[in-house]
C-alpha cells in the first residue's frame, strides 16, 4: 500500500511539472492542484485552497485524465472523492 502511494505521488509530481498549457483562458497546470494531493492519497478532507484550485482547473480536468500516462491515477477513487468533497460534479471523463 505504501509503495503504491509513493508511486502515485511520484507520477503526479512528474505530471505537475510537465503539464502546462492553456484552455479557454485557463492556464492548465496540474501543479496548481498540489494542495489536493494529500486529500486524494490519504483520505483527509480537502482544504479551501484545494477546492479553490480544483474549481480554477476544472476546464482542464478531463484533459488531465485523458493523458495516457497519468490518467488512471487522476480518475482514481481518491481523486473523485476530492472533487465531490469540494461540492463539484465529477466530470463524465472520470469514468
N, C-alpha and C. Protein backbone atom coordinates (compact mmCIF):
# COMPACT_ATOMS: atom_id res chain seq x y z
N UNK A 1 0.83 -1.19 0.00
CA UNK A 1 0.00 0.00 0.00
C UNK A 1 0.87 1.25 0.00
N UNK A 2 1.89 1.28 0.87
CA UNK A 2 2.77 2.44 0.93
C UNK A 2 3.52 2.60 -0.38
N UNK A 3 3.95 1.49 -0.98
CA UNK A 3 4.67 1.55 -2.25
C UNK A 3 3.76 2.12 -3.33
N UNK A 4 2.50 1.71 -3.37
CA UNK A 4 1.55 2.24 -4.36
C UNK A 4 1.36 3.74 -4.17
N UNK A 5 1.26 4.19 -2.92
CA UNK A 5 1.09 5.62 -2.66
C UNK A 5 2.32 6.40 -3.11
N UNK A 6 3.50 5.84 -2.87
CA UNK A 6 4.73 6.51 -3.29
C UNK A 6 4.79 6.61 -4.81
N UNK A 7 4.42 5.56 -5.50
CA UNK A 7 4.39 5.58 -6.96
C UNK A 7 3.41 6.65 -7.43
N UNK A 8 2.26 6.71 -6.81
CA UNK A 8 1.24 7.70 -7.16
C UNK A 8 1.78 9.12 -6.98
N UNK A 9 2.44 9.36 -5.86
CA UNK A 9 2.98 10.69 -5.58
C UNK A 9 4.02 11.08 -6.63
N UNK A 10 4.90 10.14 -6.96
CA UNK A 10 5.94 10.42 -7.95
C UNK A 10 5.32 10.70 -9.32
N UNK A 11 4.36 9.90 -9.71
CA UNK A 11 3.72 10.08 -11.02
C UNK A 11 3.00 11.42 -11.08
N UNK A 12 2.26 11.74 -10.05
CA UNK A 12 1.53 13.01 -10.04
C UNK A 12 2.51 14.18 -10.01
N UNK A 13 3.59 14.05 -9.27
CA UNK A 13 4.59 15.12 -9.25
C UNK A 13 5.19 15.34 -10.63
N UNK A 14 5.50 14.26 -11.33
CA UNK A 14 6.02 14.38 -12.69
C UNK A 14 5.01 15.05 -13.61
N UNK A 15 3.77 14.67 -13.46
CA UNK A 15 2.72 15.26 -14.29
C UNK A 15 2.58 16.74 -14.00
N UNK A 16 2.67 17.10 -12.74
CA UNK A 16 2.53 18.50 -12.38
C UNK A 16 3.63 19.34 -13.00
N UNK A 17 4.80 18.81 -13.10
CA UNK A 17 5.92 19.54 -13.67
C UNK A 17 5.81 19.64 -15.19
N UNK A 18 5.25 18.62 -15.82
CA UNK A 18 5.26 18.58 -17.28
C UNK A 18 3.99 19.06 -17.95
N UNK A 19 2.90 19.26 -17.25
CA UNK A 19 1.65 19.62 -17.87
C UNK A 19 1.31 21.09 -17.63
N UNK A 20 1.60 21.91 -18.61
CA UNK A 20 1.24 23.33 -18.56
C UNK A 20 0.80 23.72 -19.96
N UNK A 21 -0.44 24.12 -20.13
CA UNK A 21 -0.97 24.61 -21.39
C UNK A 21 -2.18 25.48 -21.11
N UNK A 22 -2.76 26.05 -22.13
CA UNK A 22 -3.87 26.98 -21.95
C UNK A 22 -5.15 26.40 -22.54
N UNK A 23 -6.26 26.47 -21.79
CA UNK A 23 -7.56 26.02 -22.25
C UNK A 23 -8.60 27.05 -21.85
N UNK A 24 -9.25 27.66 -22.82
CA UNK A 24 -10.34 28.62 -22.56
C UNK A 24 -9.98 29.63 -21.48
N UNK A 25 -8.87 30.33 -21.68
CA UNK A 25 -8.40 31.39 -20.77
C UNK A 25 -7.98 30.87 -19.41
N UNK A 26 -7.86 29.57 -19.24
CA UNK A 26 -7.36 28.98 -18.01
C UNK A 26 -6.01 28.37 -18.33
N UNK A 27 -5.01 28.70 -17.55
CA UNK A 27 -3.71 28.06 -17.74
C UNK A 27 -3.76 26.72 -17.02
N UNK A 28 -3.72 25.64 -17.80
CA UNK A 28 -3.78 24.30 -17.25
C UNK A 28 -2.40 23.92 -16.72
N UNK A 29 -2.32 23.77 -15.44
CA UNK A 29 -1.08 23.42 -14.79
C UNK A 29 -1.42 22.51 -13.62
N UNK A 30 -1.14 21.24 -13.79
CA UNK A 30 -1.51 20.28 -12.77
C UNK A 30 -0.84 20.58 -11.44
N UNK A 31 0.29 21.28 -11.46
CA UNK A 31 0.96 21.67 -10.23
C UNK A 31 0.04 22.51 -9.34
N UNK A 32 -0.88 23.24 -9.95
CA UNK A 32 -1.83 24.05 -9.19
C UNK A 32 -2.71 23.19 -8.27
N UNK A 33 -2.82 21.91 -8.58
CA UNK A 33 -3.65 21.01 -7.77
C UNK A 33 -2.87 20.34 -6.65
N UNK A 34 -1.64 20.76 -6.41
CA UNK A 34 -0.83 20.13 -5.37
C UNK A 34 -1.48 20.15 -3.98
N UNK A 35 -2.28 21.18 -3.61
CA UNK A 35 -2.94 21.12 -2.31
C UNK A 35 -3.95 19.96 -2.20
N UNK A 36 -4.31 19.36 -3.33
CA UNK A 36 -5.28 18.27 -3.33
C UNK A 36 -4.61 16.89 -3.28
N UNK A 37 -3.32 16.85 -3.36
CA UNK A 37 -2.62 15.57 -3.39
C UNK A 37 -2.81 14.79 -2.09
N UNK A 38 -2.62 15.45 -0.95
CA UNK A 38 -2.81 14.79 0.34
C UNK A 38 -4.21 14.24 0.52
N UNK A 39 -5.24 15.06 0.27
CA UNK A 39 -6.60 14.54 0.40
C UNK A 39 -6.89 13.36 -0.53
N UNK A 40 -6.34 13.37 -1.73
CA UNK A 40 -6.58 12.27 -2.67
C UNK A 40 -5.89 11.00 -2.22
N UNK A 41 -4.72 11.13 -1.63
CA UNK A 41 -3.94 9.96 -1.23
C UNK A 41 -4.32 9.43 0.14
N UNK A 42 -4.58 10.33 1.08
CA UNK A 42 -4.72 9.92 2.47
C UNK A 42 -6.12 10.09 3.03
N UNK A 43 -7.07 10.40 2.16
CA UNK A 43 -8.49 10.46 2.54
C UNK A 43 -8.76 11.42 3.69
N UNK A 44 -8.09 12.57 3.64
CA UNK A 44 -8.39 13.64 4.59
C UNK A 44 -9.24 14.66 3.85
N UNK A 45 -10.02 15.44 4.56
CA UNK A 45 -10.87 16.44 3.89
C UNK A 45 -10.03 17.45 3.13
N UNK A 46 -10.48 17.85 1.94
CA UNK A 46 -9.73 18.85 1.18
C UNK A 46 -9.86 20.24 1.82
N UNK A 47 -8.81 21.01 1.69
CA UNK A 47 -8.80 22.38 2.23
C UNK A 47 -9.51 23.32 1.27
N UNK A 48 -9.76 24.52 1.74
CA UNK A 48 -10.34 25.55 0.88
C UNK A 48 -9.43 25.86 -0.29
N UNK A 49 -8.13 25.82 -0.05
CA UNK A 49 -7.16 26.05 -1.12
C UNK A 49 -7.26 24.98 -2.19
N UNK A 50 -7.38 23.73 -1.77
CA UNK A 50 -7.54 22.62 -2.72
C UNK A 50 -8.79 22.83 -3.56
N UNK A 51 -9.90 23.09 -2.91
CA UNK A 51 -11.17 23.22 -3.64
C UNK A 51 -11.15 24.43 -4.58
N UNK A 52 -10.55 25.52 -4.13
CA UNK A 52 -10.46 26.70 -4.99
C UNK A 52 -9.64 26.43 -6.24
N UNK A 53 -8.53 25.78 -6.05
CA UNK A 53 -7.68 25.47 -7.21
C UNK A 53 -8.34 24.43 -8.11
N UNK A 54 -9.05 23.49 -7.51
CA UNK A 54 -9.75 22.48 -8.31
C UNK A 54 -10.81 23.15 -9.18
N UNK A 55 -11.51 24.12 -8.63
CA UNK A 55 -12.51 24.85 -9.42
C UNK A 55 -11.84 25.65 -10.54
N UNK A 56 -10.70 26.26 -10.24
CA UNK A 56 -9.97 27.01 -11.28
C UNK A 56 -9.51 26.10 -12.41
N UNK A 57 -9.12 24.90 -12.08
CA UNK A 57 -8.57 23.96 -13.06
C UNK A 57 -9.65 23.05 -13.67
N UNK A 58 -10.91 23.26 -13.30
CA UNK A 58 -12.00 22.41 -13.78
C UNK A 58 -12.01 22.23 -15.30
N UNK A 59 -11.80 23.27 -16.10
CA UNK A 59 -11.80 23.06 -17.56
C UNK A 59 -10.69 22.11 -18.04
N UNK A 60 -9.71 21.88 -17.20
CA UNK A 60 -8.56 21.07 -17.58
C UNK A 60 -8.66 19.62 -17.10
N UNK A 61 -9.58 19.33 -16.20
CA UNK A 61 -9.61 18.02 -15.55
C UNK A 61 -9.70 16.86 -16.54
N UNK A 62 -10.59 16.95 -17.50
CA UNK A 62 -10.74 15.84 -18.46
C UNK A 62 -9.49 15.69 -19.31
N UNK A 63 -8.87 16.79 -19.62
CA UNK A 63 -7.63 16.71 -20.40
C UNK A 63 -6.55 16.00 -19.58
N UNK A 64 -6.48 16.28 -18.29
CA UNK A 64 -5.52 15.59 -17.43
C UNK A 64 -5.82 14.09 -17.40
N UNK A 65 -7.10 13.74 -17.28
CA UNK A 65 -7.49 12.33 -17.19
C UNK A 65 -7.18 11.60 -18.49
N UNK A 66 -7.31 12.28 -19.62
CA UNK A 66 -7.07 11.63 -20.91
C UNK A 66 -5.59 11.38 -21.20
N UNK A 67 -4.72 11.94 -20.40
CA UNK A 67 -3.29 11.70 -20.57
C UNK A 67 -3.03 10.23 -20.27
N UNK A 68 -2.59 9.50 -21.26
CA UNK A 68 -2.42 8.05 -21.13
C UNK A 68 -1.53 7.66 -19.97
N UNK A 69 -0.47 8.37 -19.77
CA UNK A 69 0.48 8.01 -18.72
C UNK A 69 -0.08 8.20 -17.32
N UNK A 70 -0.86 9.26 -17.11
CA UNK A 70 -1.28 9.63 -15.76
C UNK A 70 -2.77 9.55 -15.51
N UNK A 71 -3.54 9.38 -16.53
CA UNK A 71 -4.99 9.44 -16.40
C UNK A 71 -5.58 8.49 -15.39
N UNK A 72 -5.05 7.30 -15.31
CA UNK A 72 -5.64 6.33 -14.38
C UNK A 72 -5.48 6.77 -12.93
N UNK A 73 -4.43 7.51 -12.64
CA UNK A 73 -4.24 7.99 -11.27
C UNK A 73 -5.22 9.12 -10.95
N UNK A 74 -5.46 9.96 -11.93
CA UNK A 74 -6.33 11.11 -11.71
C UNK A 74 -7.80 10.73 -11.69
N UNK A 75 -8.14 9.60 -12.29
CA UNK A 75 -9.53 9.16 -12.25
C UNK A 75 -9.75 8.14 -11.13
N UNK A 76 -8.81 8.05 -10.22
CA UNK A 76 -8.91 7.09 -9.12
C UNK A 76 -10.03 7.50 -8.16
N UNK A 77 -10.35 6.60 -7.27
CA UNK A 77 -11.39 6.87 -6.27
C UNK A 77 -11.04 8.09 -5.43
N UNK A 78 -9.78 8.22 -5.03
CA UNK A 78 -9.36 9.35 -4.19
C UNK A 78 -9.58 10.68 -4.87
N UNK A 79 -9.22 10.74 -6.15
CA UNK A 79 -9.39 11.99 -6.90
C UNK A 79 -10.88 12.32 -7.06
N UNK A 80 -11.69 11.32 -7.35
CA UNK A 80 -13.14 11.54 -7.48
C UNK A 80 -13.74 12.02 -6.17
N UNK A 81 -13.29 11.42 -5.08
CA UNK A 81 -13.80 11.78 -3.76
C UNK A 81 -13.48 13.24 -3.44
N UNK A 82 -12.28 13.70 -3.82
CA UNK A 82 -11.91 15.09 -3.57
C UNK A 82 -12.79 16.04 -4.37
N UNK A 83 -13.03 15.70 -5.62
CA UNK A 83 -13.91 16.53 -6.46
C UNK A 83 -15.28 16.64 -5.82
N UNK A 84 -15.83 15.53 -5.38
CA UNK A 84 -17.15 15.52 -4.76
C UNK A 84 -17.14 16.25 -3.42
N UNK A 85 -16.08 16.10 -2.64
CA UNK A 85 -15.99 16.76 -1.33
C UNK A 85 -15.92 18.28 -1.49
N UNK A 86 -15.43 18.72 -2.63
CA UNK A 86 -15.37 20.17 -2.92
C UNK A 86 -16.69 20.68 -3.47
N UNK A 87 -17.71 19.83 -3.53
CA UNK A 87 -19.03 20.25 -3.98
C UNK A 87 -19.15 20.37 -5.49
N UNK A 88 -18.24 19.71 -6.19
CA UNK A 88 -18.26 19.77 -7.65
C UNK A 88 -18.84 18.46 -8.20
N UNK A 89 -19.32 18.53 -9.41
CA UNK A 89 -19.83 17.34 -10.08
C UNK A 89 -18.64 16.62 -10.72
N UNK A 90 -18.54 15.33 -10.49
CA UNK A 90 -17.45 14.56 -11.08
C UNK A 90 -17.61 14.56 -12.60
N UNK A 91 -16.59 14.99 -13.32
CA UNK A 91 -16.69 15.02 -14.79
C UNK A 91 -16.96 13.63 -15.37
N UNK A 92 -17.72 13.57 -16.45
CA UNK A 92 -18.03 12.30 -17.11
C UNK A 92 -16.76 11.54 -17.49
N UNK A 93 -15.70 12.26 -17.83
CA UNK A 93 -14.47 11.62 -18.26
C UNK A 93 -13.80 10.81 -17.16
N UNK A 94 -14.21 10.99 -15.92
CA UNK A 94 -13.62 10.24 -14.83
C UNK A 94 -14.07 8.78 -14.80
N UNK A 95 -14.98 8.45 -15.69
CA UNK A 95 -15.43 7.07 -15.86
C UNK A 95 -16.15 6.58 -14.70
